[in-house]
């Protein structure tokens, strides 16, 4: 090609295509927890009307777990970004997410815990409660 305008158009199209691909691939990425506010990576996902989640919340409050263990709490019934993040974590644990992911759900950065008993046992262990 001897026409420099054609080269400019080709380069522009390659750059545009690459940037669109990059933007689309980032849409589906699970954002990492903020290491400055949650260095442990522990996240408890809950639903605002979930009765089992209320039991976990009462345990956390009554035992001042947030003073002993650093973690985040994320609501998933009304926050689709949190629900998607939880689903992606569940997939890393090879969970079948076809019918959704039950809450309370705890992600510790490596493994998934489901249900009030598992979540409370996890916090008891981390907080040194017998």
N, C-alpha and C. Protein backbone atom coordinates (compact mmCIF):
# COMPACT_ATOMS: atom_id res chain seq x y z
N UNK A 1 0.84 -1.17 0.00
CA UNK A 1 0.00 0.00 0.00
C UNK A 1 0.89 1.24 0.00
N UNK A 2 0.64 2.06 -0.97
CA UNK A 2 1.43 3.27 -1.08
C UNK A 2 0.66 4.47 -0.52
N UNK A 3 -0.61 4.29 -0.23
CA UNK A 3 -1.44 5.39 0.25
C UNK A 3 -1.33 5.48 1.78
N UNK A 4 -0.74 6.54 2.33
CA UNK A 4 -0.59 6.65 3.79
C UNK A 4 -1.94 6.78 4.49
N UNK A 5 -2.94 7.30 3.83
CA UNK A 5 -4.26 7.42 4.44
C UNK A 5 -4.84 6.04 4.75
N UNK A 6 -4.63 5.09 3.88
CA UNK A 6 -5.12 3.72 4.11
C UNK A 6 -4.43 3.12 5.33
N UNK A 7 -3.14 3.35 5.48
CA UNK A 7 -2.41 2.83 6.66
C UNK A 7 -2.95 3.45 7.94
N UNK A 8 -3.22 4.72 7.91
CA UNK A 8 -3.75 5.41 9.09
C UNK A 8 -5.10 4.83 9.47
N UNK A 9 -5.93 4.57 8.48
CA UNK A 9 -7.26 4.00 8.74
C UNK A 9 -7.12 2.60 9.32
N UNK A 10 -6.24 1.78 8.78
CA UNK A 10 -6.04 0.42 9.28
C UNK A 10 -5.55 0.44 10.72
N UNK A 11 -4.57 1.28 11.01
CA UNK A 11 -4.04 1.37 12.37
C UNK A 11 -5.13 1.85 13.33
N UNK A 12 -5.91 2.83 12.92
CA UNK A 12 -6.99 3.34 13.76
C UNK A 12 -8.02 2.25 14.05
N UNK A 13 -8.35 1.46 13.03
CA UNK A 13 -9.32 0.37 13.24
C UNK A 13 -8.77 -0.70 14.19
N UNK A 14 -7.50 -1.02 14.07
CA UNK A 14 -6.89 -2.01 14.97
C UNK A 14 -6.90 -1.49 16.41
N UNK A 15 -6.57 -0.24 16.60
CA UNK A 15 -6.57 0.35 17.94
C UNK A 15 -7.99 0.39 18.51
N UNK A 16 -8.93 0.81 17.70
CA UNK A 16 -10.33 0.87 18.13
C UNK A 16 -10.84 -0.52 18.50
N UNK A 17 -10.57 -1.50 17.65
CA UNK A 17 -11.01 -2.86 17.92
C UNK A 17 -10.39 -3.41 19.20
N UNK A 18 -9.11 -3.15 19.40
CA UNK A 18 -8.43 -3.62 20.62
C UNK A 18 -8.99 -2.97 21.86
N UNK A 19 -9.27 -1.68 21.79
CA UNK A 19 -9.81 -1.00 22.98
C UNK A 19 -11.23 -1.46 23.28
N UNK A 20 -12.03 -1.72 22.26
CA UNK A 20 -13.38 -2.25 22.50
C UNK A 20 -13.32 -3.64 23.11
N UNK A 21 -12.41 -4.47 22.63
CA UNK A 21 -12.24 -5.82 23.19
C UNK A 21 -11.84 -5.70 24.66
N UNK A 22 -10.87 -4.83 24.98
CA UNK A 22 -10.39 -4.66 26.35
C UNK A 22 -11.53 -4.19 27.25
N UNK A 23 -12.29 -3.21 26.81
CA UNK A 23 -13.39 -2.69 27.62
C UNK A 23 -14.42 -3.77 27.89
N UNK A 24 -14.77 -4.57 26.89
CA UNK A 24 -15.74 -5.64 27.06
C UNK A 24 -15.22 -6.71 28.00
N UNK A 25 -13.95 -7.07 27.93
CA UNK A 25 -13.39 -8.10 28.80
C UNK A 25 -13.37 -7.63 30.25
N UNK A 26 -13.24 -6.33 30.48
CA UNK A 26 -13.20 -5.80 31.83
C UNK A 26 -14.60 -5.74 32.45
N UNK A 27 -15.64 -5.68 31.62
CA UNK A 27 -17.01 -5.66 32.14
C UNK A 27 -17.33 -6.91 32.92
N UNK A 28 -16.80 -8.06 32.49
CA UNK A 28 -17.12 -9.34 33.11
C UNK A 28 -16.16 -9.71 34.23
N UNK A 29 -15.16 -8.90 34.48
CA UNK A 29 -14.19 -9.22 35.53
C UNK A 29 -14.79 -8.93 36.90
N UNK A 30 -14.45 -9.76 37.88
CA UNK A 30 -14.88 -9.53 39.25
C UNK A 30 -13.91 -8.53 39.86
N UNK A 31 -14.43 -7.40 40.33
CA UNK A 31 -13.50 -6.43 40.91
C UNK A 31 -12.91 -6.97 42.20
N UNK A 32 -11.62 -6.79 42.40
CA UNK A 32 -11.02 -7.28 43.63
C UNK A 32 -11.47 -6.45 44.82
N UNK A 33 -11.47 -7.05 46.00
CA UNK A 33 -11.75 -6.30 47.20
C UNK A 33 -10.65 -5.27 47.39
N UNK A 34 -10.99 -4.16 47.96
CA UNK A 34 -10.01 -3.11 48.18
C UNK A 34 -9.06 -3.54 49.29
N UNK A 35 -7.79 -3.79 48.98
CA UNK A 35 -6.87 -4.31 49.98
C UNK A 35 -6.60 -3.34 51.12
N UNK A 36 -6.84 -2.04 50.92
CA UNK A 36 -6.60 -1.10 52.01
C UNK A 36 -7.73 -1.14 53.03
N UNK A 37 -8.94 -1.48 52.60
CA UNK A 37 -10.05 -1.54 53.54
C UNK A 37 -10.37 -2.96 53.97
N UNK A 38 -9.96 -3.95 53.18
CA UNK A 38 -10.24 -5.34 53.51
C UNK A 38 -9.03 -6.21 53.13
N UNK A 39 -7.97 -6.13 53.91
CA UNK A 39 -6.77 -6.88 53.54
C UNK A 39 -6.95 -8.40 53.60
N UNK A 40 -7.96 -8.88 54.32
CA UNK A 40 -8.16 -10.32 54.43
C UNK A 40 -8.87 -10.90 53.22
N UNK A 41 -9.65 -10.08 52.51
CA UNK A 41 -10.43 -10.58 51.38
C UNK A 41 -11.69 -11.31 51.79
N UNK A 42 -12.01 -11.33 53.07
CA UNK A 42 -13.20 -12.03 53.56
C UNK A 42 -14.44 -11.18 53.27
N UNK A 43 -15.42 -11.81 52.62
CA UNK A 43 -16.66 -11.12 52.29
C UNK A 43 -17.84 -12.01 52.69
N UNK A 44 -18.80 -11.42 53.38
CA UNK A 44 -20.05 -12.11 53.70
C UNK A 44 -21.13 -11.50 52.81
N UNK A 45 -21.75 -12.34 52.00
CA UNK A 45 -22.84 -11.92 51.13
C UNK A 45 -24.15 -12.29 51.82
N UNK A 46 -25.10 -11.35 51.81
CA UNK A 46 -26.36 -11.58 52.50
C UNK A 46 -27.51 -10.97 51.72
N UNK A 47 -28.72 -11.40 52.08
CA UNK A 47 -29.93 -10.81 51.53
C UNK A 47 -30.64 -10.05 52.62
N UNK A 48 -31.16 -8.88 52.29
CA UNK A 48 -31.74 -8.02 53.33
C UNK A 48 -32.99 -8.60 53.99
N UNK A 49 -33.64 -9.58 53.38
CA UNK A 49 -34.82 -10.20 54.00
C UNK A 49 -34.58 -11.66 54.37
N UNK A 50 -33.34 -12.10 54.30
CA UNK A 50 -32.99 -13.50 54.57
C UNK A 50 -32.95 -13.75 56.08
N UNK A 51 -33.77 -14.66 56.61
CA UNK A 51 -33.79 -14.91 58.06
C UNK A 51 -32.48 -15.52 58.58
N UNK A 52 -31.84 -16.35 57.79
CA UNK A 52 -30.57 -16.94 58.22
C UNK A 52 -29.47 -15.89 58.27
N UNK A 53 -29.56 -14.93 57.37
CA UNK A 53 -28.59 -13.82 57.35
C UNK A 53 -28.75 -12.96 58.60
N UNK A 54 -29.99 -12.79 59.05
CA UNK A 54 -30.24 -12.02 60.27
C UNK A 54 -29.60 -12.70 61.47
N UNK A 55 -29.64 -14.02 61.50
CA UNK A 55 -29.01 -14.76 62.60
C UNK A 55 -27.50 -14.54 62.60
N UNK A 56 -26.89 -14.58 61.42
CA UNK A 56 -25.45 -14.31 61.30
C UNK A 56 -25.16 -12.88 61.72
N UNK A 57 -25.97 -11.94 61.29
CA UNK A 57 -25.77 -10.54 61.65
C UNK A 57 -25.85 -10.34 63.17
N UNK A 58 -26.82 -10.99 63.81
CA UNK A 58 -26.94 -10.90 65.27
C UNK A 58 -25.71 -11.49 65.95
N UNK A 59 -25.21 -12.61 65.45
CA UNK A 59 -24.01 -13.21 66.02
C UNK A 59 -22.83 -12.24 65.88
N UNK A 60 -22.67 -11.65 64.70
CA UNK A 60 -21.58 -10.69 64.45
C UNK A 60 -21.68 -9.52 65.42
N UNK A 61 -22.88 -8.97 65.57
CA UNK A 61 -23.07 -7.81 66.45
C UNK A 61 -22.88 -8.17 67.92
N UNK A 62 -23.49 -9.26 68.36
CA UNK A 62 -23.43 -9.66 69.77
C UNK A 62 -22.02 -10.02 70.21
N UNK A 63 -21.22 -10.54 69.30
CA UNK A 63 -19.86 -10.97 69.64
C UNK A 63 -18.78 -10.00 69.17
N UNK A 64 -19.21 -8.82 68.66
CA UNK A 64 -18.29 -7.78 68.19
C UNK A 64 -17.23 -8.34 67.26
N UNK A 65 -17.69 -9.18 66.33
CA UNK A 65 -16.79 -9.83 65.38
C UNK A 65 -16.05 -8.81 64.53
N UNK A 66 -16.72 -7.72 64.18
CA UNK A 66 -16.08 -6.71 63.33
C UNK A 66 -14.90 -6.03 64.02
N UNK A 67 -14.78 -6.16 65.34
CA UNK A 67 -13.62 -5.63 66.06
C UNK A 67 -12.48 -6.65 66.09
N UNK A 68 -12.79 -7.92 65.78
CA UNK A 68 -11.81 -9.00 65.88
C UNK A 68 -11.37 -9.53 64.52
N UNK A 69 -12.22 -9.38 63.52
CA UNK A 69 -11.95 -9.91 62.19
C UNK A 69 -12.28 -8.83 61.16
N UNK A 70 -11.38 -8.62 60.22
CA UNK A 70 -11.64 -7.65 59.14
C UNK A 70 -12.38 -8.37 58.02
N UNK A 71 -13.53 -7.85 57.64
CA UNK A 71 -14.33 -8.43 56.57
C UNK A 71 -15.28 -7.38 56.04
N UNK A 72 -15.85 -7.69 54.89
CA UNK A 72 -16.87 -6.84 54.27
C UNK A 72 -18.19 -7.58 54.28
N UNK A 73 -19.28 -6.83 54.29
CA UNK A 73 -20.61 -7.39 54.12
C UNK A 73 -21.22 -6.76 52.87
N UNK A 74 -21.78 -7.61 52.01
CA UNK A 74 -22.37 -7.11 50.77
C UNK A 74 -23.76 -7.71 50.56
N UNK A 75 -24.72 -6.84 50.37
CA UNK A 75 -26.10 -7.24 50.14
C UNK A 75 -26.27 -7.63 48.67
N UNK A 76 -26.98 -8.76 48.42
CA UNK A 76 -27.10 -9.27 47.05
C UNK A 76 -28.51 -9.27 46.47
N UNK A 77 -29.52 -9.11 47.29
CA UNK A 77 -30.89 -9.12 46.75
C UNK A 77 -31.18 -7.86 45.93
N UNK A 78 -30.66 -6.74 46.38
CA UNK A 78 -30.94 -5.45 45.73
C UNK A 78 -29.73 -4.86 45.01
N UNK A 79 -28.62 -5.58 45.01
CA UNK A 79 -27.41 -5.06 44.38
C UNK A 79 -26.88 -6.12 43.41
N UNK A 80 -27.15 -5.92 42.14
CA UNK A 80 -26.79 -6.91 41.12
C UNK A 80 -25.28 -7.07 40.96
N UNK A 81 -24.51 -6.01 41.18
CA UNK A 81 -23.05 -6.12 41.09
C UNK A 81 -22.53 -7.04 42.19
N UNK A 82 -23.07 -6.91 43.40
CA UNK A 82 -22.67 -7.79 44.49
C UNK A 82 -23.11 -9.23 44.21
N UNK A 83 -24.30 -9.40 43.67
CA UNK A 83 -24.80 -10.74 43.35
C UNK A 83 -23.92 -11.40 42.30
N UNK A 84 -23.52 -10.64 41.30
CA UNK A 84 -22.66 -11.18 40.25
C UNK A 84 -21.29 -11.56 40.83
N UNK A 85 -20.76 -10.71 41.68
CA UNK A 85 -19.47 -10.99 42.32
C UNK A 85 -19.55 -12.28 43.13
N UNK A 86 -20.64 -12.44 43.91
CA UNK A 86 -20.83 -13.64 44.71
C UNK A 86 -20.90 -14.87 43.82
N UNK A 87 -21.63 -14.78 42.72
CA UNK A 87 -21.77 -15.90 41.79
C UNK A 87 -20.42 -16.30 41.21
N UNK A 88 -19.60 -15.32 40.87
CA UNK A 88 -18.27 -15.62 40.34
C UNK A 88 -17.41 -16.34 41.37
N UNK A 89 -17.51 -15.93 42.64
CA UNK A 89 -16.76 -16.62 43.69
C UNK A 89 -17.28 -18.06 43.84
N UNK A 90 -18.59 -18.23 43.79
CA UNK A 90 -19.17 -19.57 43.91
C UNK A 90 -18.69 -20.47 42.78
N UNK A 91 -18.56 -19.93 41.59
CA UNK A 91 -18.07 -20.72 40.46
C UNK A 91 -16.64 -21.19 40.69
N UNK A 92 -15.81 -20.38 41.36
CA UNK A 92 -14.43 -20.81 41.63
C UNK A 92 -14.40 -21.98 42.59
N UNK A 93 -15.47 -22.18 43.34
CA UNK A 93 -15.58 -23.32 44.26
C UNK A 93 -16.32 -24.48 43.59
N UNK A 94 -16.48 -24.41 42.28
CA UNK A 94 -17.17 -25.44 41.50
C UNK A 94 -18.61 -25.67 41.95
N UNK A 95 -19.26 -24.62 42.41
CA UNK A 95 -20.66 -24.72 42.81
C UNK A 95 -21.56 -24.61 41.58
N UNK A 96 -22.66 -25.33 41.61
CA UNK A 96 -23.67 -25.20 40.56
C UNK A 96 -24.47 -23.94 40.87
N UNK A 97 -24.38 -22.95 40.03
CA UNK A 97 -25.04 -21.67 40.27
C UNK A 97 -26.28 -21.48 39.39
N UNK A 98 -26.72 -22.58 38.78
CA UNK A 98 -27.87 -22.52 37.88
C UNK A 98 -29.09 -21.90 38.55
N UNK A 99 -29.35 -22.30 39.78
CA UNK A 99 -30.52 -21.80 40.51
C UNK A 99 -30.16 -20.69 41.49
N UNK A 100 -29.02 -20.07 41.30
CA UNK A 100 -28.57 -19.01 42.20
C UNK A 100 -27.65 -19.56 43.28
N UNK A 101 -27.21 -18.67 44.14
CA UNK A 101 -26.31 -19.02 45.23
C UNK A 101 -27.03 -18.70 46.53
N UNK A 102 -27.11 -19.67 47.43
CA UNK A 102 -27.81 -19.41 48.70
C UNK A 102 -27.00 -18.47 49.60
N UNK A 103 -27.71 -17.72 50.41
CA UNK A 103 -27.09 -16.84 51.40
C UNK A 103 -27.57 -17.26 52.79
N UNK A 104 -26.79 -16.97 53.80
CA UNK A 104 -25.53 -16.26 53.78
C UNK A 104 -24.44 -17.09 53.10
N UNK A 105 -23.55 -16.37 52.43
CA UNK A 105 -22.45 -16.98 51.68
C UNK A 105 -21.19 -16.23 52.07
N UNK A 106 -20.16 -16.96 52.46
CA UNK A 106 -18.90 -16.33 52.85
C UNK A 106 -17.80 -16.77 51.91
N UNK A 107 -17.04 -15.81 51.43
CA UNK A 107 -15.87 -16.05 50.58
C UNK A 107 -14.67 -15.57 51.39
N UNK A 108 -13.71 -16.46 51.63
CA UNK A 108 -12.54 -16.06 52.42
C UNK A 108 -11.31 -15.82 51.55
N UNK A 109 -11.52 -15.74 50.26
CA UNK A 109 -10.41 -15.54 49.34
C UNK A 109 -9.98 -16.82 48.66
N UNK A 110 -10.40 -17.97 49.23
CA UNK A 110 -10.04 -19.27 48.67
C UNK A 110 -11.19 -20.26 48.67
N UNK A 111 -12.01 -20.21 49.70
CA UNK A 111 -13.09 -21.19 49.78
C UNK A 111 -14.42 -20.52 50.05
N UNK A 112 -15.47 -21.28 49.80
CA UNK A 112 -16.83 -20.81 49.94
C UNK A 112 -17.49 -21.51 51.13
N UNK A 113 -18.20 -20.74 51.92
CA UNK A 113 -18.97 -21.29 53.03
C UNK A 113 -20.41 -20.83 52.86
N UNK A 114 -21.34 -21.77 53.08
CA UNK A 114 -22.75 -21.45 52.86
C UNK A 114 -23.55 -21.79 54.10
N UNK A 115 -24.47 -20.90 54.45
CA UNK A 115 -25.40 -21.14 55.54
C UNK A 115 -24.92 -20.56 56.86
N UNK A 116 -25.88 -20.33 57.72
CA UNK A 116 -25.57 -19.67 58.99
C UNK A 116 -24.60 -20.47 59.84
N UNK A 117 -24.72 -21.79 59.88
CA UNK A 117 -23.84 -22.59 60.73
C UNK A 117 -22.39 -22.52 60.28
N UNK A 118 -22.15 -22.64 58.98
CA UNK A 118 -20.77 -22.58 58.46
C UNK A 118 -20.17 -21.19 58.64
N UNK A 119 -20.96 -20.17 58.40
CA UNK A 119 -20.45 -18.80 58.51
C UNK A 119 -20.15 -18.47 59.97
N UNK A 120 -21.04 -18.83 60.87
CA UNK A 120 -20.82 -18.57 62.30
C UNK A 120 -19.62 -19.36 62.80
N UNK A 121 -19.48 -20.62 62.39
CA UNK A 121 -18.32 -21.44 62.80
C UNK A 121 -17.02 -20.80 62.30
N UNK A 122 -17.03 -20.28 61.08
CA UNK A 122 -15.85 -19.60 60.53
C UNK A 122 -15.46 -18.41 61.41
N UNK A 123 -16.44 -17.57 61.76
CA UNK A 123 -16.14 -16.39 62.56
C UNK A 123 -15.74 -16.77 63.98
N UNK A 124 -16.33 -17.80 64.54
CA UNK A 124 -15.92 -18.26 65.87
C UNK A 124 -14.44 -18.63 65.84
N UNK A 125 -14.05 -19.38 64.84
CA UNK A 125 -12.65 -19.80 64.71
C UNK A 125 -11.73 -18.59 64.53
N UNK A 126 -12.08 -17.68 63.65
CA UNK A 126 -11.24 -16.51 63.38
C UNK A 126 -11.14 -15.58 64.59
N UNK A 127 -12.23 -15.50 65.37
CA UNK A 127 -12.27 -14.59 66.52
C UNK A 127 -11.80 -15.27 67.80
N UNK A 128 -11.53 -16.56 67.74
CA UNK A 128 -11.08 -17.29 68.93
C UNK A 128 -12.18 -17.53 69.95
N UNK A 129 -13.40 -17.69 69.46
CA UNK A 129 -14.55 -17.95 70.34
C UNK A 129 -14.77 -19.45 70.40
N UNK A 130 -14.91 -19.97 71.60
CA UNK A 130 -15.14 -21.42 71.77
C UNK A 130 -16.59 -21.75 71.71
